């Protein structure tokens, strides 16, 4: 077996032994957002968010 093929085989065996047989593809954690400091309906639509604390306008990759 070629060295690269051997390496790939060993890595695949390692990954299979590292994870359970049935595992979720991805899990996320999303904290609750308190309903406070909200925009009005029309302004929220224009801002793209109902929550003032989540309004982070895109500035072309520049830091705020």
PDB file of N, CA and C in Angstrom:
ATOM      1  N   UNK A   1       0.849  -1.182   0.000  1.00  0.00           N
ATOM      2  CA  UNK A   1       0.000   0.000   0.000  1.00  0.00           C
ATOM      3  C   UNK A   1       0.890   1.238   0.000  1.00  0.00           C
ATOM      4  N   UNK A   2       0.532   2.206  -0.818  1.00  0.00           N
ATOM      5  CA  UNK A   2       1.286   3.458  -0.903  1.00  0.00           C
ATOM      6  C   UNK A   2       1.180   4.224   0.422  1.00  0.00           C
ATOM      7  N   UNK A   3       2.210   5.011   0.775  1.00  0.00           N
ATOM      8  CA  UNK A   3       2.173   5.761   2.032  1.00  0.00           C
ATOM      9  C   UNK A   3       0.941   6.666   2.168  1.00  0.00           C
ATOM     10  N   UNK A   4       0.558   7.365   1.100  1.00  0.00           N
ATOM     11  CA  UNK A   4      -0.606   8.249   1.171  1.00  0.00           C
ATOM     12  C   UNK A   4      -1.880   7.437   1.389  1.00  0.00           C
ATOM     13  N   UNK A   5      -2.004   6.309   0.694  1.00  0.00           N
ATOM     14  CA  UNK A   5      -3.175   5.451   0.876  1.00  0.00           C
ATOM     15  C   UNK A   5      -3.232   4.909   2.300  1.00  0.00           C
ATOM     16  N   UNK A   6      -2.098   4.552   2.836  1.00  0.00           N
ATOM     17  CA  UNK A   6      -2.022   4.053   4.211  1.00  0.00           C
ATOM     18  C   UNK A   6      -2.460   5.145   5.190  1.00  0.00           C
ATOM     19  N   UNK A   7      -1.971   6.352   4.980  1.00  0.00           N
ATOM     20  CA  UNK A   7      -2.329   7.480   5.839  1.00  0.00           C
ATOM     21  C   UNK A   7      -3.833   7.722   5.815  1.00  0.00           C
ATOM     22  N   UNK A   8      -4.416   7.753   4.605  1.00  0.00           N
ATOM     23  CA  UNK A   8      -5.856   7.986   4.470  1.00  0.00           C
ATOM     24  C   UNK A   8      -6.633   6.878   5.178  1.00  0.00           C
ATOM     25  N   UNK A   9      -6.232   5.653   5.023  1.00  0.00           N
ATOM     26  CA  UNK A   9      -6.907   4.525   5.676  1.00  0.00           C
ATOM     27  C   UNK A   9      -6.829   4.650   7.194  1.00  0.00           C
ATOM     28  N   UNK A  10      -5.679   5.039   7.702  1.00  0.00           N
ATOM     29  CA  UNK A  10      -5.528   5.198   9.157  1.00  0.00           C
ATOM     30  C   UNK A  10      -6.381   6.345   9.682  1.00  0.00           C
ATOM     31  N   UNK A  11      -6.452   7.454   8.935  1.00  0.00           N
ATOM     32  CA  UNK A  11      -7.270   8.592   9.369  1.00  0.00           C
ATOM     33  C   UNK A  11      -8.756   8.238   9.366  1.00  0.00           C
ATOM     34  N   UNK A  12      -9.200   7.494   8.371  1.00  0.00           N
ATOM     35  CA  UNK A  12     -10.601   7.090   8.307  1.00  0.00           C
ATOM     36  C   UNK A  12     -10.931   6.156   9.469  1.00  0.00           C
ATOM     37  N   UNK A  13     -10.046   5.255   9.804  1.00  0.00           N
ATOM     38  CA  UNK A  13     -10.266   4.350  10.929  1.00  0.00           C
ATOM     39  C   UNK A  13     -10.296   5.127  12.235  1.00  0.00           C
ATOM     40  N   UNK A  14      -9.426   6.125  12.376  1.00  0.00           N
ATOM     41  CA  UNK A  14      -9.396   6.955  13.578  1.00  0.00           C
ATOM     42  C   UNK A  14     -10.707   7.713  13.728  1.00  0.00           C
ATOM     43  N   UNK A  15     -11.188   8.341  12.647  1.00  0.00           N
ATOM     44  CA  UNK A  15     -12.432   9.104  12.703  1.00  0.00           C
ATOM     45  C   UNK A  15     -13.614   8.211  13.050  1.00  0.00           C
ATOM     46  N   UNK A  16     -13.651   6.997  12.508  1.00  0.00           N
ATOM     47  CA  UNK A  16     -14.750   6.072  12.802  1.00  0.00           C
ATOM     48  C   UNK A  16     -14.743   5.663  14.265  1.00  0.00           C
ATOM     49  N   UNK A  17     -13.583   5.540  14.876  1.00  0.00           N
ATOM     50  CA  UNK A  17     -13.510   5.129  16.272  1.00  0.00           C
ATOM     51  C   UNK A  17     -13.766   6.299  17.224  1.00  0.00           C
ATOM     52  N   UNK A  18     -13.637   7.525  16.712  1.00  0.00           N
ATOM     53  CA  UNK A  18     -13.758   8.709  17.548  1.00  0.00           C
ATOM     54  C   UNK A  18     -15.214   9.116  17.799  1.00  0.00           C
ATOM     55  N   UNK A  19     -16.115   8.822  16.857  1.00  0.00           N
ATOM     56  CA  UNK A  19     -17.497   9.258  16.951  1.00  0.00           C
ATOM     57  C   UNK A  19     -18.431   8.074  17.114  1.00  0.00           C
ATOM     58  N   UNK A  20     -19.539   8.274  17.822  1.00  0.00           N
ATOM     59  CA  UNK A  20     -20.541   7.206  17.920  1.00  0.00           C
ATOM     60  C   UNK A  20     -21.108   6.865  16.544  1.00  0.00           C
ATOM     61  N   UNK A  21     -21.703   5.692  16.421  1.00  0.00           N
ATOM     62  CA  UNK A  21     -22.248   5.261  15.129  1.00  0.00           C
ATOM     63  C   UNK A  21     -23.360   6.185  14.656  1.00  0.00           C
ATOM     64  N   UNK A  22     -24.211   6.623  15.563  1.00  0.00           N
ATOM     65  CA  UNK A  22     -25.306   7.524  15.192  1.00  0.00           C
ATOM     66  C   UNK A  22     -25.088   8.844  15.908  1.00  0.00           C
ATOM     67  N   UNK A  23     -24.725   9.846  15.156  1.00  0.00           N
ATOM     68  CA  UNK A  23     -24.443  11.154  15.722  1.00  0.00           C
ATOM     69  C   UNK A  23     -25.133  12.204  14.860  1.00  0.00           C
ATOM     70  N   UNK A  24     -25.626  13.249  15.484  1.00  0.00           N
ATOM     71  CA  UNK A  24     -26.259  14.327  14.741  1.00  0.00           C
ATOM     72  C   UNK A  24     -25.236  15.032  13.876  1.00  0.00           C
ATOM     73  N   UNK A  25     -25.691  15.489  12.725  1.00  0.00           N
ATOM     74  CA  UNK A  25     -24.797  16.201  11.832  1.00  0.00           C
ATOM     75  C   UNK A  25     -24.321  17.490  12.483  1.00  0.00           C
ATOM     76  N   UNK A  26     -25.246  18.211  13.099  1.00  0.00           N
ATOM     77  CA  UNK A  26     -24.870  19.464  13.747  1.00  0.00           C
ATOM     78  C   UNK A  26     -25.895  19.791  14.830  1.00  0.00           C
ATOM     79  N   UNK A  27     -25.439  20.429  15.863  1.00  0.00           N
ATOM     80  CA  UNK A  27     -26.321  20.899  16.915  1.00  0.00           C
ATOM     81  C   UNK A  27     -25.928  22.342  17.195  1.00  0.00           C
ATOM     82  N   UNK A  28     -26.911  23.144  17.501  1.00  0.00           N
ATOM     83  CA  UNK A  28     -26.609  24.541  17.768  1.00  0.00           C
ATOM     84  C   UNK A  28     -27.147  24.938  19.135  1.00  0.00           C
ATOM     85  N   UNK A  29     -26.602  25.985  19.662  1.00  0.00           N
ATOM     86  CA  UNK A  29     -27.080  26.569  20.905  1.00  0.00           C
ATOM     87  C   UNK A  29     -27.478  28.001  20.589  1.00  0.00           C
ATOM     88  N   UNK A  30     -28.723  28.323  20.814  1.00  0.00           N
ATOM     89  CA  UNK A  30     -29.218  29.664  20.549  1.00  0.00           C
ATOM     90  C   UNK A  30     -29.853  30.184  21.832  1.00  0.00           C
ATOM     91  N   UNK A  31     -29.231  31.162  22.478  1.00  0.00           N
ATOM     92  CA  UNK A  31     -29.810  31.694  23.718  1.00  0.00           C
ATOM     93  C   UNK A  31     -31.097  32.461  23.418  1.00  0.00           C
ATOM     94  N   UNK A  32     -31.981  32.515  24.399  1.00  0.00           N
ATOM     95  CA  UNK A  32     -33.216  33.274  24.244  1.00  0.00           C
ATOM     96  C   UNK A  32     -32.914  34.752  24.093  1.00  0.00           C
ATOM     97  N   UNK A  33     -33.645  35.404  23.199  1.00  0.00           N
ATOM     98  CA  UNK A  33     -33.509  36.848  22.997  1.00  0.00           C
ATOM     99  C   UNK A  33     -34.646  37.518  23.746  1.00  0.00           C
ATOM    100  N   UNK A  34     -34.350  38.309  24.775  1.00  0.00           N
ATOM    101  CA  UNK A  34     -35.435  38.986  25.489  1.00  0.00           C
ATOM    102  C   UNK A  34     -36.127  40.005  24.585  1.00  0.00           C
ATOM    103  N   UNK A  35     -37.436  40.072  24.679  1.00  0.00           N
ATOM    104  CA  UNK A  35     -38.215  41.019  23.880  1.00  0.00           C
ATOM    105  C   UNK A  35     -38.215  42.373  24.576  1.00  0.00           C
ATOM    106  N   UNK A  36     -37.122  43.108  24.398  1.00  0.00           N
ATOM    107  CA  UNK A  36     -36.991  44.435  24.985  1.00  0.00           C
ATOM    108  C   UNK A  36     -36.215  45.322  24.028  1.00  0.00           C
ATOM    109  N   UNK A  37     -36.413  46.623  24.147  1.00  0.00           N
ATOM    110  CA  UNK A  37     -35.737  47.596  23.296  1.00  0.00           C
ATOM    111  C   UNK A  37     -35.968  47.287  21.817  1.00  0.00           C
ATOM    112  N   UNK A  38     -37.251  47.191  21.432  1.00  0.00           N
ATOM    113  CA  UNK A  38     -37.634  46.793  20.086  1.00  0.00           C
ATOM    114  C   UNK A  38     -37.867  47.997  19.182  1.00  0.00           C
ATOM    115  N   UNK A  39     -37.681  47.776  17.871  1.00  0.00           N
ATOM    116  CA  UNK A  39     -38.068  48.760  16.873  1.00  0.00           C
ATOM    117  C   UNK A  39     -39.572  48.643  16.654  1.00  0.00           C
ATOM    118  N   UNK A  40     -40.182  49.711  16.143  1.00  0.00           N
ATOM    119  CA  UNK A  40     -41.552  49.631  15.671  1.00  0.00           C
ATOM    120  C   UNK A  40     -41.591  48.782  14.407  1.00  0.00           C
ATOM    121  N   UNK A  41     -42.794  48.379  14.000  1.00  0.00           N
ATOM    122  CA  UNK A  41     -42.921  47.462  12.865  1.00  0.00           C
ATOM    123  C   UNK A  41     -42.266  47.998  11.593  1.00  0.00           C
ATOM    124  N   UNK A  42     -42.572  49.229  11.211  1.00  0.00           N
ATOM    125  CA  UNK A  42     -42.024  49.777   9.964  1.00  0.00           C
ATOM    126  C   UNK A  42     -40.511  49.931  10.027  1.00  0.00           C
ATOM    127  N   UNK A  43     -40.006  50.425  11.156  1.00  0.00           N
ATOM    128  CA  UNK A  43     -38.557  50.601  11.277  1.00  0.00           C
ATOM    129  C   UNK A  43     -37.851  49.251  11.332  1.00  0.00           C
ATOM    130  N   UNK A  44     -38.452  48.264  12.000  1.00  0.00           N
ATOM    131  CA  UNK A  44     -37.860  46.926  12.072  1.00  0.00           C
ATOM    132  C   UNK A  44     -37.714  46.330  10.676  1.00  0.00           C
ATOM    133  N   UNK A  45     -38.729  46.535   9.836  1.00  0.00           N
ATOM    134  CA  UNK A  45     -38.653  46.022   8.468  1.00  0.00           C
ATOM    135  C   UNK A  45     -37.503  46.687   7.711  1.00  0.00           C
ATOM    136  N   UNK A  46     -37.340  47.977   7.896  1.00  0.00           N
ATOM    137  CA  UNK A  46     -36.248  48.691   7.232  1.00  0.00           C
ATOM    138  C   UNK A  46     -34.879  48.317   7.764  1.00  0.00           C
ATOM    139  N   UNK A  47     -34.786  48.052   9.067  1.00  0.00           N
ATOM    140  CA  UNK A  47     -33.498  47.711   9.684  1.00  0.00           C
ATOM    141  C   UNK A  47     -33.133  46.244   9.492  1.00  0.00           C
ATOM    142  N   UNK A  48     -34.127  45.404   9.234  1.00  0.00           N
ATOM    143  CA  UNK A  48     -33.869  43.975   9.057  1.00  0.00           C
ATOM    144  C   UNK A  48     -33.855  43.197  10.354  1.00  0.00           C
ATOM    145  N   UNK A  49     -34.265  43.832  11.445  1.00  0.00           N
ATOM    146  CA  UNK A  49     -34.352  43.163  12.738  1.00  0.00           C
ATOM    147  C   UNK A  49     -35.339  43.895  13.612  1.00  0.00           C
ATOM    148  N   UNK A  50     -35.980  43.147  14.482  1.00  0.00           N
ATOM    149  CA  UNK A  50     -36.902  43.733  15.440  1.00  0.00           C
ATOM    150  C   UNK A  50     -36.148  44.257  16.659  1.00  0.00           C
ATOM    151  N   UNK A  51     -34.994  43.673  16.918  1.00  0.00           N
ATOM    152  CA  UNK A  51     -34.248  43.959  18.142  1.00  0.00           C
ATOM    153  C   UNK A  51     -33.151  44.999  17.908  1.00  0.00           C
ATOM    154  N   UNK A  52     -33.210  46.078  18.632  1.00  0.00           N
ATOM    155  CA  UNK A  52     -32.167  47.113  18.510  1.00  0.00           C
ATOM    156  C   UNK A  52     -30.792  46.550  18.879  1.00  0.00           C
ATOM    157  N   UNK A  53     -30.750  45.648  19.847  1.00  0.00           N
ATOM    158  CA  UNK A  53     -29.466  45.092  20.298  1.00  0.00           C
ATOM    159  C   UNK A  53     -28.841  44.155  19.262  1.00  0.00           C
ATOM    160  N   UNK A  54     -29.597  43.764  18.242  1.00  0.00           N
ATOM    161  CA  UNK A  54     -29.061  42.890  17.194  1.00  0.00           C
ATOM    162  C   UNK A  54     -28.830  43.626  15.885  1.00  0.00           C
ATOM    163  N   UNK A  55     -28.914  44.927  15.893  1.00  0.00           N
ATOM    164  CA  UNK A  55     -28.739  45.705  14.675  1.00  0.00           C
ATOM    165  C   UNK A  55     -27.262  46.015  14.476  1.00  0.00           C
ATOM    166  N   UNK A  56     -26.633  45.236  13.612  1.00  0.00           N
ATOM    167  CA  UNK A  56     -25.225  45.407  13.273  1.00  0.00           C
ATOM    168  C   UNK A  56     -25.125  45.634  11.773  1.00  0.00           C
ATOM    169  N   UNK A  57     -25.237  46.879  11.322  1.00  0.00           N
ATOM    170  CA  UNK A  57     -25.213  47.144   9.883  1.00  0.00           C
ATOM    171  C   UNK A  57     -23.914  46.665   9.241  1.00  0.00           C
ATOM    172  N   UNK A  58     -24.021  46.164   8.019  1.00  0.00           N
ATOM    173  CA  UNK A  58     -22.856  45.736   7.265  1.00  0.00           C
ATOM    174  C   UNK A  58     -22.064  46.963   6.825  1.00  0.00           C
ATOM    175  N   UNK A  59     -20.781  46.968   7.096  1.00  0.00           N
ATOM    176  CA  UNK A  59     -19.935  48.116   6.758  1.00  0.00           C
ATOM    177  C   UNK A  59     -18.800  47.707   5.814  1.00  0.00           C
ATOM    178  N   UNK A  60     -19.046  46.734   4.962  1.00  0.00           N
ATOM    179  CA  UNK A  60     -18.050  46.352   3.959  1.00  0.00           C
ATOM    180  C   UNK A  60     -16.819  45.688   4.513  1.00  0.00           C
ATOM    181  N   UNK A  61     -16.934  44.928   5.591  1.00  0.00           N
ATOM    182  CA  UNK A  61     -15.813  44.218   6.159  1.00  0.00           C
ATOM    183  C   UNK A  61     -14.959  45.027   7.109  1.00  0.00           C
ATOM    184  N   UNK A  62     -15.289  46.296   7.324  1.00  0.00           N
ATOM    185  CA  UNK A  62     -14.529  47.115   8.267  1.00  0.00           C
ATOM    186  C   UNK A  62     -15.026  46.862   9.681  1.00  0.00           C
ATOM    187  N   UNK A  63     -14.126  46.982  10.625  1.00  0.00           N
ATOM    188  CA  UNK A  63     -14.510  46.823  12.030  1.00  0.00           C
ATOM    189  C   UNK A  63     -15.198  48.092  12.507  1.00  0.00           C
ATOM    190  N   UNK A  64     -16.160  47.913  13.386  1.00  0.00           N
ATOM    191  CA  UNK A  64     -16.907  49.058  13.932  1.00  0.00           C
ATOM    192  C   UNK A  64     -16.083  49.806  14.926  1.00  0.00           C
TER     193      UNK A  64
END
